[in-house]
């Protein structure tokens, strides 16, 4: 089955690409297992205090991030697409069960593919307007801190390199 490739809009979207020296199934597990995602999903000193992933279309993708000051920011969304081991799409434009959201922020498209003996993955944060895009870096989407990658956090024991992260609003 062929899945459409989303072409990012540099005015509205953020793109992060990473190459990992581990197989795709381990990267998939790091993205889809709450106890793993909590270890690396936000940059230090932020933490994820809660995470729920109901891995099915219409299922919940929920995280609660805690700032260094102790403020908590919840994100509750709906999983739109799953291609086991290859693609995960969720949005906060809809809540679980496809219920419309009061305050949409973004849609995430995460894709991964084998790259030699490792994996190359791409995460795209799709925003509806430049204002929401401008807020995304505050949540660490494009942090270059390798200690919060799925690999260096202990979820996957290997190196991580950022090959591209577009924050341009030009």
N, C-alpha and C. Protein backbone atom coordinates (compact mmCIF):
# COMPACT_ATOMS: atom_id res chain seq x y z
N UNK A 1 0.84 -1.18 0.00
CA UNK A 1 0.00 0.00 0.00
C UNK A 1 0.89 1.24 0.00
N UNK A 2 0.57 2.21 -0.83
CA UNK A 2 1.32 3.44 -0.91
C UNK A 2 0.63 4.50 -0.07
N UNK A 3 1.42 5.24 0.70
CA UNK A 3 0.88 6.30 1.53
C UNK A 3 1.37 7.64 1.00
N UNK A 4 0.49 8.63 0.98
CA UNK A 4 0.90 9.92 0.45
C UNK A 4 2.03 10.51 1.29
N UNK A 5 2.95 11.17 0.63
CA UNK A 5 4.03 11.86 1.31
C UNK A 5 3.60 13.30 1.51
N UNK A 6 3.65 13.75 2.73
CA UNK A 6 3.30 15.13 3.03
C UNK A 6 4.48 16.02 2.66
N UNK A 7 4.23 17.07 1.92
CA UNK A 7 5.26 18.03 1.55
C UNK A 7 5.14 19.22 2.50
N UNK A 8 6.13 19.41 3.37
CA UNK A 8 6.05 20.50 4.36
C UNK A 8 5.99 21.88 3.73
N UNK A 9 5.28 22.76 4.39
CA UNK A 9 5.21 24.17 4.03
C UNK A 9 6.15 24.91 4.98
N UNK A 10 7.24 25.50 4.51
CA UNK A 10 8.21 26.14 5.40
C UNK A 10 7.64 27.30 6.21
N UNK A 11 6.53 27.86 5.76
CA UNK A 11 5.89 28.94 6.51
C UNK A 11 5.11 28.43 7.72
N UNK A 12 4.70 27.16 7.68
CA UNK A 12 3.80 26.65 8.72
C UNK A 12 4.30 25.41 9.45
N UNK A 13 5.28 24.74 8.93
CA UNK A 13 5.65 23.43 9.47
C UNK A 13 7.08 23.39 9.97
N UNK A 14 7.32 22.49 10.90
CA UNK A 14 8.66 22.21 11.41
C UNK A 14 9.01 20.77 11.03
N UNK A 15 10.24 20.55 10.61
CA UNK A 15 10.67 19.24 10.17
C UNK A 15 11.93 18.85 10.94
N UNK A 16 11.94 17.65 11.47
CA UNK A 16 13.09 17.11 12.16
C UNK A 16 13.40 15.75 11.56
N UNK A 17 14.64 15.56 11.13
CA UNK A 17 15.06 14.27 10.60
C UNK A 17 16.22 13.77 11.43
N UNK A 18 16.19 12.50 11.77
CA UNK A 18 17.27 11.89 12.54
C UNK A 18 17.62 10.54 11.94
N UNK A 19 18.89 10.19 12.08
CA UNK A 19 19.36 8.86 11.70
C UNK A 19 19.84 8.17 12.95
N UNK A 20 19.40 6.95 13.14
CA UNK A 20 19.74 6.16 14.32
C UNK A 20 20.39 4.86 13.89
N UNK A 21 21.33 4.39 14.68
CA UNK A 21 22.02 3.15 14.37
C UNK A 21 21.32 1.94 14.98
N UNK A 22 20.00 1.91 14.90
CA UNK A 22 19.22 0.79 15.43
C UNK A 22 18.11 0.46 14.44
N UNK A 23 17.56 -0.75 14.51
CA UNK A 23 16.51 -1.14 13.56
C UNK A 23 15.20 -0.37 13.76
N UNK A 24 14.43 -0.33 12.70
CA UNK A 24 13.15 0.38 12.69
C UNK A 24 12.23 -0.07 13.82
N UNK A 25 12.17 -1.37 14.12
CA UNK A 25 11.22 -1.82 15.14
C UNK A 25 11.52 -1.21 16.51
N UNK A 26 12.78 -0.94 16.82
CA UNK A 26 13.09 -0.30 18.10
C UNK A 26 12.74 1.18 18.11
N UNK A 27 12.91 1.85 16.97
CA UNK A 27 12.52 3.26 16.87
C UNK A 27 10.99 3.36 16.98
N UNK A 28 10.29 2.47 16.32
CA UNK A 28 8.83 2.43 16.41
C UNK A 28 8.39 2.26 17.87
N UNK A 29 9.04 1.36 18.57
CA UNK A 29 8.71 1.13 19.98
C UNK A 29 8.96 2.38 20.82
N UNK A 30 10.05 3.09 20.54
CA UNK A 30 10.35 4.32 21.28
C UNK A 30 9.29 5.40 21.06
N UNK A 31 8.70 5.41 19.86
CA UNK A 31 7.65 6.40 19.54
C UNK A 31 6.26 5.98 20.00
N UNK A 32 6.02 4.71 20.21
CA UNK A 32 4.64 4.25 20.44
C UNK A 32 4.41 3.60 21.80
N UNK A 33 5.41 3.54 22.65
CA UNK A 33 5.28 2.93 23.97
C UNK A 33 5.42 4.04 25.02
N UNK A 34 4.36 4.30 25.80
CA UNK A 34 4.39 5.43 26.74
C UNK A 34 5.62 5.47 27.65
N UNK A 35 6.00 4.36 28.25
CA UNK A 35 7.13 4.40 29.17
C UNK A 35 8.43 4.78 28.46
N UNK A 36 8.56 4.47 27.19
CA UNK A 36 9.74 4.88 26.42
C UNK A 36 9.64 6.35 26.01
N UNK A 37 8.49 6.75 25.49
CA UNK A 37 8.31 8.12 25.02
C UNK A 37 8.56 9.12 26.15
N UNK A 38 8.15 8.79 27.36
CA UNK A 38 8.33 9.68 28.51
C UNK A 38 9.80 9.98 28.78
N UNK A 39 10.68 9.11 28.36
CA UNK A 39 12.11 9.27 28.65
C UNK A 39 12.81 10.27 27.73
N UNK A 40 12.24 10.56 26.57
CA UNK A 40 13.00 11.36 25.60
C UNK A 40 12.21 12.43 24.85
N UNK A 41 10.91 12.48 24.97
CA UNK A 41 10.06 13.28 24.08
C UNK A 41 10.24 14.80 24.23
N UNK A 42 10.69 15.28 25.38
CA UNK A 42 10.91 16.71 25.59
C UNK A 42 12.35 16.94 26.04
N UNK A 43 12.90 18.14 25.78
CA UNK A 43 14.29 18.41 26.19
C UNK A 43 14.39 18.64 27.69
N UNK A 44 15.51 18.22 28.27
CA UNK A 44 15.76 18.51 29.68
C UNK A 44 15.90 20.00 29.85
N UNK A 45 15.45 20.55 30.92
CA UNK A 45 14.98 19.92 32.14
C UNK A 45 13.47 19.64 32.16
N UNK A 46 12.79 19.78 31.02
CA UNK A 46 11.38 19.42 30.94
C UNK A 46 11.24 17.92 31.13
N UNK A 47 10.05 17.49 31.55
CA UNK A 47 9.76 16.07 31.69
C UNK A 47 8.36 15.78 31.18
N UNK A 48 8.10 14.53 30.89
CA UNK A 48 6.75 14.07 30.58
C UNK A 48 6.27 13.34 31.83
N UNK A 49 5.20 13.84 32.44
CA UNK A 49 4.70 13.23 33.67
C UNK A 49 3.63 12.19 33.40
N UNK A 50 2.93 12.33 32.29
CA UNK A 50 1.88 11.37 31.92
C UNK A 50 1.94 11.15 30.42
N UNK A 51 1.63 9.93 30.01
CA UNK A 51 1.59 9.62 28.59
C UNK A 51 0.62 8.46 28.37
N UNK A 52 -0.25 8.64 27.41
CA UNK A 52 -1.21 7.59 27.04
C UNK A 52 -1.24 7.49 25.52
N UNK A 53 -1.04 6.31 25.01
CA UNK A 53 -1.09 6.08 23.57
C UNK A 53 -1.98 4.87 23.31
N UNK A 54 -3.13 5.12 22.71
CA UNK A 54 -4.06 4.06 22.31
C UNK A 54 -3.86 3.88 20.81
N UNK A 55 -2.99 2.97 20.45
CA UNK A 55 -2.45 2.85 19.10
C UNK A 55 -3.44 2.23 18.12
N UNK A 56 -4.43 3.06 17.72
CA UNK A 56 -5.42 2.67 16.72
C UNK A 56 -6.02 3.96 16.17
N UNK A 57 -6.51 3.95 14.94
CA UNK A 57 -7.18 5.14 14.43
C UNK A 57 -8.34 5.54 15.35
N UNK A 58 -8.37 6.81 15.72
CA UNK A 58 -9.37 7.31 16.66
C UNK A 58 -8.90 7.20 18.10
N UNK A 59 -7.78 6.52 18.34
CA UNK A 59 -7.26 6.36 19.69
C UNK A 59 -6.58 7.62 20.20
N UNK A 60 -6.31 7.63 21.47
CA UNK A 60 -5.74 8.80 22.15
C UNK A 60 -4.22 8.81 22.05
N UNK A 61 -3.67 10.02 21.82
CA UNK A 61 -2.25 10.29 21.96
C UNK A 61 -2.17 11.47 22.92
N UNK A 62 -1.82 11.20 24.18
CA UNK A 62 -1.88 12.22 25.23
C UNK A 62 -0.56 12.28 25.99
N UNK A 63 -0.07 13.50 26.20
CA UNK A 63 1.10 13.71 27.04
C UNK A 63 0.84 14.91 27.96
N UNK A 64 1.51 14.89 29.10
CA UNK A 64 1.53 16.05 29.98
C UNK A 64 3.01 16.39 30.20
N UNK A 65 3.38 17.61 29.77
CA UNK A 65 4.76 18.07 29.92
C UNK A 65 4.86 18.94 31.15
N UNK A 66 5.95 18.80 31.90
CA UNK A 66 6.20 19.64 33.07
C UNK A 66 7.44 20.48 32.82
N UNK A 67 7.29 21.80 33.02
CA UNK A 67 8.40 22.73 32.84
C UNK A 67 9.33 22.65 34.06
N UNK A 68 10.51 23.23 33.96
CA UNK A 68 11.42 23.26 35.11
C UNK A 68 10.80 24.00 36.30
N UNK A 69 9.86 24.91 36.04
CA UNK A 69 9.19 25.66 37.10
C UNK A 69 8.00 24.90 37.69
N UNK A 70 7.71 23.73 37.15
CA UNK A 70 6.61 22.92 37.68
C UNK A 70 5.28 23.13 36.98
N UNK A 71 5.22 24.01 35.97
CA UNK A 71 3.98 24.19 35.22
C UNK A 71 3.75 22.97 34.34
N UNK A 72 2.48 22.57 34.21
CA UNK A 72 2.16 21.43 33.37
C UNK A 72 1.35 21.87 32.17
N UNK A 73 1.67 21.25 31.03
CA UNK A 73 1.01 21.54 29.77
C UNK A 73 0.55 20.22 29.17
N UNK A 74 -0.76 20.07 29.08
CA UNK A 74 -1.31 18.84 28.53
C UNK A 74 -1.53 18.93 27.04
N UNK A 75 -1.38 17.81 26.40
CA UNK A 75 -1.67 17.70 24.98
C UNK A 75 -2.48 16.44 24.76
N UNK A 76 -3.69 16.59 24.27
CA UNK A 76 -4.57 15.45 24.05
C UNK A 76 -4.98 15.44 22.60
N UNK A 77 -4.75 14.31 21.94
CA UNK A 77 -5.04 14.25 20.52
C UNK A 77 -5.59 12.91 20.09
N UNK A 78 -5.77 12.81 18.79
CA UNK A 78 -6.39 11.66 18.16
C UNK A 78 -5.42 11.07 17.14
N UNK A 79 -5.22 9.77 17.21
CA UNK A 79 -4.39 9.09 16.22
C UNK A 79 -5.21 8.95 14.94
N UNK A 80 -4.61 9.39 13.84
CA UNK A 80 -5.29 9.36 12.55
C UNK A 80 -4.87 8.19 11.68
N UNK A 81 -3.57 7.86 11.72
CA UNK A 81 -3.07 6.83 10.82
C UNK A 81 -1.94 6.06 11.48
N UNK A 82 -1.94 4.76 11.27
CA UNK A 82 -0.87 3.90 11.75
C UNK A 82 -0.50 2.94 10.63
N UNK A 83 0.77 2.92 10.30
CA UNK A 83 1.33 1.90 9.43
C UNK A 83 2.43 1.27 10.29
N UNK A 84 2.13 0.14 10.85
CA UNK A 84 3.01 -0.52 11.83
C UNK A 84 4.48 -0.46 11.41
N UNK A 85 5.29 0.13 12.30
CA UNK A 85 6.72 0.19 12.07
C UNK A 85 7.17 1.20 11.04
N UNK A 86 6.25 1.98 10.46
CA UNK A 86 6.63 2.90 9.38
C UNK A 86 6.08 4.31 9.52
N UNK A 87 4.84 4.45 10.01
CA UNK A 87 4.20 5.77 9.97
C UNK A 87 3.18 5.91 11.09
N UNK A 88 3.24 7.07 11.76
CA UNK A 88 2.29 7.40 12.82
C UNK A 88 1.86 8.84 12.63
N UNK A 89 0.55 9.07 12.55
CA UNK A 89 0.01 10.41 12.37
C UNK A 89 -1.01 10.65 13.47
N UNK A 90 -0.84 11.78 14.18
CA UNK A 90 -1.84 12.16 15.18
C UNK A 90 -2.03 13.67 15.15
N UNK A 91 -3.12 14.13 15.73
CA UNK A 91 -3.44 15.55 15.74
C UNK A 91 -4.11 15.92 17.05
N UNK A 92 -3.97 17.18 17.43
CA UNK A 92 -4.77 17.67 18.55
C UNK A 92 -5.95 18.51 18.04
N UNK A 93 -6.10 18.55 16.72
CA UNK A 93 -7.27 19.20 16.12
C UNK A 93 -8.52 18.38 16.44
N UNK A 94 -8.31 17.10 16.63
CA UNK A 94 -9.37 16.19 17.05
C UNK A 94 -8.93 15.53 18.36
N UNK A 95 -9.90 15.23 19.20
CA UNK A 95 -9.62 14.47 20.41
C UNK A 95 -9.88 13.00 20.15
N UNK A 96 -9.69 12.19 21.17
CA UNK A 96 -9.98 10.76 21.02
C UNK A 96 -11.38 10.54 20.46
N UNK A 97 -11.51 9.54 19.62
CA UNK A 97 -12.80 9.24 19.01
C UNK A 97 -13.21 10.24 17.95
N UNK A 98 -12.25 11.02 17.46
CA UNK A 98 -12.47 12.02 16.40
C UNK A 98 -13.33 13.20 16.86
N UNK A 99 -13.41 13.46 18.15
CA UNK A 99 -14.17 14.59 18.68
C UNK A 99 -13.40 15.89 18.39
N UNK A 100 -14.02 16.91 17.76
CA UNK A 100 -13.32 18.16 17.47
C UNK A 100 -12.77 18.82 18.74
N UNK A 101 -11.60 19.42 18.60
CA UNK A 101 -10.91 20.07 19.72
C UNK A 101 -11.23 21.56 19.77
N UNK A 102 -11.24 22.11 20.96
CA UNK A 102 -11.52 23.53 21.12
C UNK A 102 -10.33 24.41 20.74
N UNK A 103 -9.10 23.92 20.95
CA UNK A 103 -7.92 24.72 20.68
C UNK A 103 -6.86 23.91 19.92
N UNK A 104 -7.03 23.75 18.62
CA UNK A 104 -6.05 22.96 17.85
C UNK A 104 -4.69 23.65 17.79
N UNK A 105 -3.64 22.84 17.81
CA UNK A 105 -2.28 23.36 17.78
C UNK A 105 -1.51 22.80 16.58
N UNK A 106 -1.53 21.46 16.40
CA UNK A 106 -0.74 20.88 15.31
C UNK A 106 -1.18 19.46 15.00
N UNK A 107 -0.66 18.98 13.87
CA UNK A 107 -0.76 17.58 13.48
C UNK A 107 0.67 17.08 13.32
N UNK A 108 0.93 15.87 13.81
CA UNK A 108 2.27 15.28 13.71
C UNK A 108 2.26 14.13 12.72
N UNK A 109 3.26 14.10 11.85
CA UNK A 109 3.46 13.00 10.92
C UNK A 109 4.87 12.46 11.19
N UNK A 110 4.95 11.24 11.68
CA UNK A 110 6.23 10.61 11.97
C UNK A 110 6.37 9.42 11.03
N UNK A 111 7.43 9.43 10.25
CA UNK A 111 7.67 8.31 9.34
C UNK A 111 9.09 7.79 9.58
N UNK A 112 9.26 6.51 9.34
CA UNK A 112 10.58 5.90 9.53
C UNK A 112 10.80 4.83 8.48
N UNK A 113 12.07 4.65 8.16
CA UNK A 113 12.41 3.65 7.16
C UNK A 113 13.80 3.11 7.46
N UNK A 114 14.03 1.87 7.04
CA UNK A 114 15.37 1.31 7.23
C UNK A 114 16.41 2.14 6.48
N UNK A 115 17.57 2.25 7.10
CA UNK A 115 18.69 2.97 6.50
C UNK A 115 19.94 2.16 6.80
N UNK A 116 20.27 1.24 5.90
CA UNK A 116 21.33 0.28 6.17
C UNK A 116 20.89 -0.61 7.31
N UNK A 117 21.70 -0.70 8.36
CA UNK A 117 21.30 -1.49 9.53
C UNK A 117 20.57 -0.62 10.55
N UNK A 118 20.39 0.66 10.24
CA UNK A 118 19.73 1.58 11.17
C UNK A 118 18.39 2.08 10.65
N UNK A 119 18.01 3.26 11.11
CA UNK A 119 16.72 3.85 10.78
C UNK A 119 16.88 5.33 10.54
N UNK A 120 16.17 5.81 9.56
CA UNK A 120 16.04 7.25 9.35
C UNK A 120 14.59 7.59 9.62
N UNK A 121 14.38 8.56 10.51
CA UNK A 121 12.99 8.96 10.75
C UNK A 121 12.83 10.45 10.55
N UNK A 122 11.61 10.82 10.24
CA UNK A 122 11.25 12.20 9.96
C UNK A 122 10.00 12.53 10.74
N UNK A 123 10.05 13.60 11.51
CA UNK A 123 8.89 14.08 12.26
C UNK A 123 8.54 15.46 11.74
N UNK A 124 7.28 15.63 11.35
CA UNK A 124 6.81 16.91 10.85
C UNK A 124 5.69 17.39 11.76
N UNK A 125 5.83 18.62 12.24
CA UNK A 125 4.77 19.27 13.01
C UNK A 125 4.08 20.24 12.06
N UNK A 126 2.84 19.95 11.72
CA UNK A 126 2.06 20.73 10.77
C UNK A 126 1.18 21.70 11.55
N UNK A 127 1.32 22.99 11.28
CA UNK A 127 0.57 24.02 11.99
C UNK A 127 -0.41 24.72 11.06
N UNK A 128 -1.47 25.24 11.63
CA UNK A 128 -2.49 25.93 10.85
C UNK A 128 -2.18 27.38 10.58
N UNK A 129 -1.24 27.96 11.34
CA UNK A 129 -0.89 29.36 11.15
C UNK A 129 0.51 29.62 11.70
N UNK A 130 1.12 30.72 11.30
CA UNK A 130 2.49 31.02 11.76
C UNK A 130 2.60 31.20 13.28
N UNK A 131 1.54 31.64 13.93
CA UNK A 131 1.58 31.86 15.38
C UNK A 131 1.76 30.55 16.14
N UNK A 132 1.03 29.52 15.74
CA UNK A 132 1.21 28.24 16.44
C UNK A 132 2.57 27.63 16.10
N UNK A 133 3.04 27.82 14.88
CA UNK A 133 4.37 27.33 14.53
C UNK A 133 5.42 27.99 15.42
N UNK A 134 5.29 29.28 15.66
CA UNK A 134 6.27 30.01 16.47
C UNK A 134 6.31 29.50 17.92
N UNK A 135 5.23 28.92 18.41
CA UNK A 135 5.20 28.38 19.77
C UNK A 135 5.87 27.02 19.88
N UNK A 136 5.99 26.28 18.80
CA UNK A 136 6.50 24.91 18.84
C UNK A 136 7.90 24.78 19.43
N UNK A 137 8.86 25.64 19.07
CA UNK A 137 10.21 25.44 19.63
C UNK A 137 10.25 25.49 21.15
N UNK A 138 9.28 26.14 21.77
CA UNK A 138 9.23 26.18 23.23
C UNK A 138 9.04 24.79 23.81
N UNK A 139 8.51 23.88 23.03
CA UNK A 139 8.30 22.52 23.50
C UNK A 139 9.42 21.58 23.06
N UNK A 140 10.50 22.14 22.49
CA UNK A 140 11.68 21.34 22.22
C UNK A 140 11.67 20.52 20.94
N UNK A 141 10.73 20.77 20.05
CA UNK A 141 10.67 19.99 18.82
C UNK A 141 12.02 19.96 18.12
N UNK A 142 12.69 21.08 18.11
CA UNK A 142 13.95 21.15 17.37
C UNK A 142 15.14 21.36 18.29
N UNK A 143 15.06 20.86 19.49
CA UNK A 143 16.22 20.90 20.37
C UNK A 143 17.30 20.03 19.78
N UNK A 144 18.51 20.54 19.76
CA UNK A 144 19.62 19.74 19.24
C UNK A 144 20.28 18.95 20.36
N UNK A 145 19.71 18.99 21.54
CA UNK A 145 20.29 18.28 22.68
C UNK A 145 20.18 16.78 22.46
N UNK A 146 21.29 16.10 22.17
CA UNK A 146 21.21 14.68 21.86
C UNK A 146 20.79 13.82 23.04
N UNK A 147 20.91 14.33 24.27
CA UNK A 147 20.57 13.50 25.42
C UNK A 147 19.07 13.24 25.52
N UNK A 148 18.24 13.91 24.74
CA UNK A 148 16.81 13.67 24.78
C UNK A 148 16.31 13.01 23.51
N UNK A 149 17.18 12.44 22.75
CA UNK A 149 16.75 11.66 21.61
C UNK A 149 16.35 10.27 22.09
N UNK A 150 15.58 9.52 21.30
CA UNK A 150 15.21 8.19 21.76
C UNK A 150 16.43 7.31 21.98
N UNK A 151 17.53 7.60 21.31
CA UNK A 151 18.70 6.73 21.47
C UNK A 151 19.49 7.06 22.72
N UNK A 152 19.86 8.31 22.90
CA UNK A 152 20.76 8.67 23.99
C UNK A 152 20.07 8.64 25.35
N UNK A 153 18.74 8.64 25.37
CA UNK A 153 18.04 8.63 26.66
C UNK A 153 18.03 7.25 27.29
N UNK A 154 18.56 6.27 26.61
CA UNK A 154 18.56 4.92 27.16
C UNK A 154 17.49 4.05 26.55
N UNK A 155 16.54 4.64 25.82
CA UNK A 155 15.53 3.84 25.15
C UNK A 155 16.21 3.03 24.05
N UNK A 156 17.08 3.66 23.32
CA UNK A 156 17.87 3.01 22.29
C UNK A 156 19.32 3.40 22.54
N UNK A 157 20.18 2.45 22.66
CA UNK A 157 21.57 2.75 22.97
C UNK A 157 22.40 2.93 21.70
N UNK A 158 22.46 4.15 21.22
CA UNK A 158 23.26 4.48 20.04
C UNK A 158 23.36 5.98 19.90
N UNK A 159 24.03 6.43 18.86
CA UNK A 159 24.15 7.86 18.63
C UNK A 159 22.96 8.37 17.81
N UNK A 160 22.72 9.66 17.90
CA UNK A 160 21.69 10.31 17.12
C UNK A 160 22.28 11.55 16.47
N UNK A 161 21.92 11.79 15.23
CA UNK A 161 22.36 13.02 14.59
C UNK A 161 21.15 13.71 13.97
N UNK A 162 21.09 14.99 14.15
CA UNK A 162 20.03 15.77 13.50
C UNK A 162 20.56 16.16 12.13
N UNK A 163 19.83 15.81 11.11
CA UNK A 163 20.26 16.15 9.76
C UNK A 163 19.56 17.39 9.24
N UNK A 164 18.41 17.72 9.79
CA UNK A 164 17.71 18.93 9.37
C UNK A 164 16.65 19.28 10.40
N UNK A 165 16.57 20.53 10.73
CA UNK A 165 15.47 21.03 11.54
C UNK A 165 15.18 22.43 11.05
N UNK A 166 14.08 22.60 10.40
CA UNK A 166 13.74 23.88 9.79
C UNK A 166 12.87 24.69 10.72
N UNK A 167 13.39 25.82 11.18
CA UNK A 167 12.63 26.73 12.02
C UNK A 167 12.38 28.06 11.31
N UNK A 168 12.74 28.14 10.07
CA UNK A 168 12.66 29.39 9.34
C UNK A 168 11.23 29.86 9.18
N UNK A 169 11.02 31.15 9.40
CA UNK A 169 9.71 31.76 9.13
C UNK A 169 9.84 32.79 8.02
N UNK A 170 10.95 32.76 7.31
CA UNK A 170 11.17 33.72 6.22
C UNK A 170 10.26 33.44 5.06
